[in-house]
Amino acid sequence: MYAEQGYFRSKSSSKTKPFDVVLHILKLFSGNYSDYMQRSRTLKDISKAEAQAQKIVLQNRLSEIIGKLSAPSKQDDLEALDREYHEILHKLREASTNE
């Protein structure tokens, strides 16, 4: 809230440290506010990349299940494949709405 309003300044005194509250725990950051924001942006980029990688894994698994459902072998449990298909489809839809 305050950061968006320009409350913190990059050229703050050396005694002032940016902080963050995560899960009700106060975390101090060593460095100035510009360093904090750069680190925050980097972490968000990493999170986006991980989410994209997870989405690709789910899409590949969904393709594999569709293949098994369309040409099942005697060993395939069609009901389990169908359940997994719907679970993965649900996860992919959630991932798409969170983007």
C-alpha atoms as a PDB file:
ATOM      1  CA  MET A   1       0.000   0.000   0.000  1.00  0.00           C
ATOM      2  CA  TYR A   2       2.597   2.561   1.062  1.00  0.00           C
ATOM      3  CA  ALA A   3       5.064   1.475  -1.600  1.00  0.00           C
ATOM      4  CA  GLU A   4       2.524   2.097  -4.348  1.00  0.00           C
ATOM      5  CA  GLN A   5       1.971   5.605  -2.999  1.00  0.00           C
ATOM      6  CA  GLY A   6       5.693   6.358  -3.074  1.00  0.00           C
ATOM      7  CA  TYR A   7       6.011   6.137   0.716  1.00  0.00           C
ATOM      8  CA  PHE A   8       9.444   4.482   0.542  1.00  0.00           C
ATOM      9  CA  ARG A   9      12.342   6.175  -1.134  1.00  0.00           C
ATOM     10  CA  SER A  10      15.471   4.676  -2.685  1.00  0.00           C
ATOM     11  CA  LYS A  11      17.663   7.287  -1.058  1.00  0.00           C
ATOM     12  CA  SER A  12      16.527   6.551   2.464  1.00  0.00           C
ATOM     13  CA  SER A  13      19.005   6.664   5.298  1.00  0.00           C
ATOM     14  CA  SER A  14      21.180   3.658   5.972  1.00  0.00           C
ATOM     15  CA  LYS A  15      19.191   3.048   9.163  1.00  0.00           C
ATOM     16  CA  THR A  16      15.936   2.514   7.259  1.00  0.00           C
ATOM     17  CA  LYS A  17      15.424  -0.994   5.878  1.00  0.00           C
ATOM     18  CA  PRO A  18      12.558  -2.218   3.708  1.00  0.00           C
ATOM     19  CA  PHE A  19      10.505  -5.000   5.229  1.00  0.00           C
ATOM     20  CA  ASP A  20       7.802  -7.391   4.170  1.00  0.00           C
ATOM     21  CA  VAL A  21       5.130  -9.235   6.124  1.00  0.00           C
ATOM     22  CA  VAL A  22       4.614 -12.806   4.947  1.00  0.00           C
ATOM     23  CA  LEU A  23       2.221 -15.090   6.824  1.00  0.00           C
ATOM     24  CA  HIS A  24       2.251 -12.673   9.780  1.00  0.00           C
ATOM     25  CA  ILE A  25       6.062 -12.806   9.999  1.00  0.00           C
ATOM     26  CA  LEU A  26       8.058  -9.626   9.622  1.00  0.00           C
ATOM     27  CA  LYS A  27      11.005 -10.110   7.248  1.00  0.00           C
ATOM     28  CA  LEU A  28      13.680  -7.428   7.065  1.00  0.00           C
ATOM     29  CA  PHE A  29      15.481  -6.861   3.794  1.00  0.00           C
ATOM     30  CA  SER A  30      19.104  -5.741   3.748  1.00  0.00           C
ATOM     31  CA  GLY A  31      19.470  -3.120   1.078  1.00  0.00           C
ATOM     32  CA  ASN A  32      17.490  -0.119  -0.043  1.00  0.00           C
ATOM     33  CA  TYR A  33      14.000  -0.011  -1.484  1.00  0.00           C
ATOM     34  CA  SER A  34      15.214  -0.182  -5.109  1.00  0.00           C
ATOM     35  CA  ASP A  35      17.107  -3.397  -4.296  1.00  0.00           C
ATOM     36  CA  TYR A  36      13.997  -4.773  -2.600  1.00  0.00           C
ATOM     37  CA  MET A  37      11.785  -4.007  -5.616  1.00  0.00           C
ATOM     38  CA  GLN A  38      14.296  -5.548  -8.041  1.00  0.00           C
ATOM     39  CA  ARG A  39      14.444  -8.725  -5.934  1.00  0.00           C
ATOM     40  CA  SER A  40      10.649  -8.780  -5.723  1.00  0.00           C
ATOM     41  CA  ARG A  41      10.308  -8.490  -9.523  1.00  0.00           C
ATOM     42  CA  THR A  42      12.899 -11.249 -10.002  1.00  0.00           C
ATOM     43  CA  LEU A  43      11.001 -13.580  -7.663  1.00  0.00           C
ATOM     44  CA  LYS A  44       7.730 -12.858  -9.494  1.00  0.00           C
ATOM     45  CA  ASP A  45       9.406 -13.688 -12.818  1.00  0.00           C
ATOM     46  CA  ILE A  46      10.678 -16.970 -11.377  1.00  0.00           C
ATOM     47  CA  SER A  47       7.202 -17.810 -10.055  1.00  0.00           C
ATOM     48  CA  LYS A  48       5.678 -17.125 -13.474  1.00  0.00           C
ATOM     49  CA  ALA A  49       8.268 -19.353 -15.160  1.00  0.00           C
ATOM     50  CA  GLU A  50       7.606 -22.161 -12.680  1.00  0.00           C
ATOM     51  CA  ALA A  51       3.856 -21.833 -13.194  1.00  0.00           C
ATOM     52  CA  GLN A  52       4.344 -21.980 -16.967  1.00  0.00           C
ATOM     53  CA  ALA A  53       6.532 -25.083 -16.635  1.00  0.00           C
ATOM     54  CA  GLN A  54       3.910 -26.759 -14.435  1.00  0.00           C
ATOM     55  CA  LYS A  55       1.230 -25.890 -16.995  1.00  0.00           C
ATOM     56  CA  ILE A  56       3.287 -27.522 -19.761  1.00  0.00           C
ATOM     57  CA  VAL A  57       3.696 -30.681 -17.651  1.00  0.00           C
ATOM     58  CA  LEU A  58      -0.077 -30.827 -17.092  1.00  0.00           C
ATOM     59  CA  GLN A  59      -0.762 -30.302 -20.807  1.00  0.00           C
ATOM     60  CA  ASN A  60       1.620 -33.120 -21.722  1.00  0.00           C
ATOM     61  CA  ARG A  61       0.017 -35.470 -19.214  1.00  0.00           C
ATOM     62  CA  LEU A  62      -3.433 -34.510 -20.529  1.00  0.00           C
ATOM     63  CA  SER A  63      -2.314 -35.374 -24.070  1.00  0.00           C
ATOM     64  CA  GLU A  64      -1.022 -38.724 -22.875  1.00  0.00           C
ATOM     65  CA  ILE A  65      -4.320 -39.507 -21.137  1.00  0.00           C
ATOM     66  CA  ILE A  66      -6.343 -38.491 -24.204  1.00  0.00           C
ATOM     67  CA  GLY A  67      -4.223 -40.874 -26.272  1.00  0.00           C
ATOM     68  CA  LYS A  68      -4.832 -43.718 -23.848  1.00  0.00           C
ATOM     69  CA  LEU A  69      -8.569 -42.999 -23.710  1.00  0.00           C
ATOM     70  CA  SER A  70      -8.870 -42.916 -27.489  1.00  0.00           C
ATOM     71  CA  ALA A  71      -6.941 -46.172 -27.997  1.00  0.00           C
ATOM     72  CA  PRO A  72      -6.976 -48.037 -24.666  1.00  0.00           C
ATOM     73  CA  SER A  73      -4.974 -51.166 -24.018  1.00  0.00           C
ATOM     74  CA  LYS A  74      -6.217 -54.046 -21.886  1.00  0.00           C
ATOM     75  CA  GLN A  75      -4.114 -52.830 -18.954  1.00  0.00           C
ATOM     76  CA  ASP A  76      -5.616 -49.309 -18.922  1.00  0.00           C
ATOM     77  CA  ASP A  77      -8.191 -48.509 -16.245  1.00  0.00           C
ATOM     78  CA  LEU A  78     -10.571 -46.282 -18.212  1.00  0.00           C
ATOM     79  CA  GLU A  79     -12.382 -44.979 -15.140  1.00  0.00           C
ATOM     80  CA  ALA A  80      -9.108 -43.931 -13.470  1.00  0.00           C
ATOM     81  CA  LEU A  81      -7.924 -42.309 -16.698  1.00  0.00           C
ATOM     82  CA  ASP A  82     -11.213 -40.447 -17.008  1.00  0.00           C
ATOM     83  CA  ARG A  83     -10.944 -39.188 -13.398  1.00  0.00           C
ATOM     84  CA  GLU A  84      -7.355 -38.070 -13.957  1.00  0.00           C
ATOM     85  CA  TYR A  85      -8.364 -36.369 -17.214  1.00  0.00           C
ATOM     86  CA  HIS A  86     -10.988 -34.287 -15.392  1.00  0.00           C
ATOM     87  CA  GLU A  87      -8.626 -33.496 -12.496  1.00  0.00           C
ATOM     88  CA  ILE A  88      -5.909 -32.245 -14.829  1.00  0.00           C
ATOM     89  CA  LEU A  89      -8.407 -30.310 -16.917  1.00  0.00           C
ATOM     90  CA  HIS A  90      -9.646 -28.621 -13.727  1.00  0.00           C
ATOM     91  CA  LYS A  91      -6.049 -27.722 -12.698  1.00  0.00           C
ATOM     92  CA  LEU A  92      -5.341 -26.273 -16.143  1.00  0.00           C
ATOM     93  CA  ARG A  93      -8.489 -24.152 -16.019  1.00  0.00           C
ATOM     94  CA  GLU A  94      -7.514 -22.862 -12.553  1.00  0.00           C
ATOM     95  CA  ALA A  95      -4.035 -22.030 -13.838  1.00  0.00           C
ATOM     96  CA  SER A  96      -5.511 -20.140 -16.789  1.00  0.00           C
ATOM     97  CA  THR A  97      -7.780 -18.055 -14.560  1.00  0.00           C
ATOM     98  CA  ASN A  98      -4.865 -17.201 -12.229  1.00  0.00           C
ATOM     99  CA  GLU A  99      -2.765 -15.691 -15.029  1.00  0.00           C
END
